């Protein structure tokens, strides 16, 4: 059920899932000495959460799309709380 759905995204390894890998994390830059920083990729954990929420709320999306994005939301909401998934 829920536990399997939440862990599912880590099991997708094929090249067809390359774009999904970026959704696991966000590299938020920080600097203690004012060094210039690289901004995070546009596809990241935060954009994945927003996109999944929008799809789940959409009346136009089918059950497959909603189920797929619910699994992404469950996984990424857990990943983003891990310190090494949200900073560079």
Protein backbone atom coordinates (compact mmCIF):
# COMPACT_ATOMS: atom_id res chain seq x y z
CA UNK A 1 0.00 0.00 0.00
CA UNK A 2 1.26 3.36 1.12
CA UNK A 3 4.79 2.24 2.07
CA UNK A 4 5.34 0.52 -1.29
CA UNK A 5 3.97 3.53 -3.16
CA UNK A 6 6.23 5.94 -1.28
CA UNK A 7 9.39 3.93 -2.04
CA UNK A 8 8.46 3.15 -5.67
CA UNK A 9 10.29 6.11 -7.28
CA UNK A 10 13.68 4.83 -6.05
CA UNK A 11 13.15 1.62 -8.02
CA UNK A 12 12.92 3.29 -11.44
CA UNK A 13 16.36 2.94 -13.03
CA UNK A 14 15.87 2.79 -16.80
CA UNK A 15 16.98 5.56 -19.13
CA UNK A 16 13.31 6.34 -19.79
CA UNK A 17 13.12 7.59 -16.19
CA UNK A 18 16.09 9.98 -16.45
CA UNK A 19 13.91 13.09 -16.03
CA UNK A 20 12.36 11.67 -12.85
CA UNK A 21 15.76 11.50 -11.12
CA UNK A 22 15.92 15.28 -10.84
CA UNK A 23 12.65 15.24 -8.89
CA UNK A 24 14.21 13.52 -5.88
CA UNK A 25 16.07 16.59 -4.59
CA UNK A 26 16.69 20.32 -4.84
CA UNK A 27 20.17 21.76 -4.56
CA UNK A 28 19.56 25.01 -2.70
CA UNK A 29 22.85 26.89 -2.76
CA UNK A 30 24.31 28.53 0.30
CA UNK A 31 27.59 30.28 0.99
CA UNK A 32 29.20 31.40 4.20
CA UNK A 33 31.70 33.69 2.45
CA UNK A 34 29.60 35.30 -0.30
CA UNK A 35 30.87 33.05 -3.11
CA UNK A 36 28.73 33.24 -6.26
CA UNK A 37 26.20 30.43 -6.36
CA UNK A 38 24.54 28.32 -9.02
CA UNK A 39 20.76 28.35 -8.86
CA UNK A 40 18.90 25.02 -8.67
CA UNK A 41 17.67 23.23 -11.79
CA UNK A 42 14.12 24.12 -12.82
CA UNK A 43 13.12 20.45 -12.45
CA UNK A 44 13.61 19.58 -8.79
CA UNK A 45 11.79 18.32 -5.70
CA UNK A 46 9.83 21.54 -5.20
CA UNK A 47 8.68 21.72 -8.83
CA UNK A 48 7.74 18.01 -8.62
CA UNK A 49 5.56 18.62 -5.55
CA UNK A 50 3.82 21.58 -7.20
CA UNK A 51 3.24 19.68 -10.46
CA UNK A 52 1.91 16.60 -8.64
CA UNK A 53 -0.45 18.73 -6.56
CA UNK A 54 -1.78 20.45 -9.68
CA UNK A 55 -2.34 17.13 -11.46
CA UNK A 56 -4.10 15.64 -8.44
CA UNK A 57 -6.44 18.64 -8.32
CA UNK A 58 -7.14 18.62 -12.07
CA UNK A 59 -10.49 17.39 -13.35
CA UNK A 60 -8.94 16.73 -16.78
CA UNK A 61 -6.34 14.15 -15.66
CA UNK A 62 -7.18 10.45 -15.71
CA UNK A 63 -6.75 8.03 -12.83
CA UNK A 64 -3.42 6.72 -14.16
CA UNK A 65 -1.86 10.22 -14.19
CA UNK A 66 -3.26 10.97 -10.75
CA UNK A 67 -1.96 7.67 -9.33
CA UNK A 68 1.47 8.19 -10.89
CA UNK A 69 1.72 11.69 -9.46
CA UNK A 70 0.42 10.65 -6.05
CA UNK A 71 3.35 8.23 -5.85
CA UNK A 72 5.75 11.01 -6.86
CA UNK A 73 4.26 13.30 -4.20
CA UNK A 74 4.52 10.65 -1.47
CA UNK A 75 8.15 9.94 -2.30
CA UNK A 76 9.40 13.47 -2.84
CA UNK A 77 7.65 14.85 0.26
CA UNK A 78 9.72 12.36 2.26
CA UNK A 79 12.96 12.98 0.35
CA UNK A 80 12.87 16.76 0.68
CA UNK A 81 13.03 16.50 4.49
CA UNK A 82 16.46 14.83 4.31
CA UNK A 83 19.29 17.37 4.61
CA UNK A 84 21.38 15.89 1.80
CA UNK A 85 18.41 16.10 -0.58
CA UNK A 86 17.95 19.86 -0.26
CA UNK A 87 21.32 21.65 -0.21
CA UNK A 88 24.55 21.83 -2.15
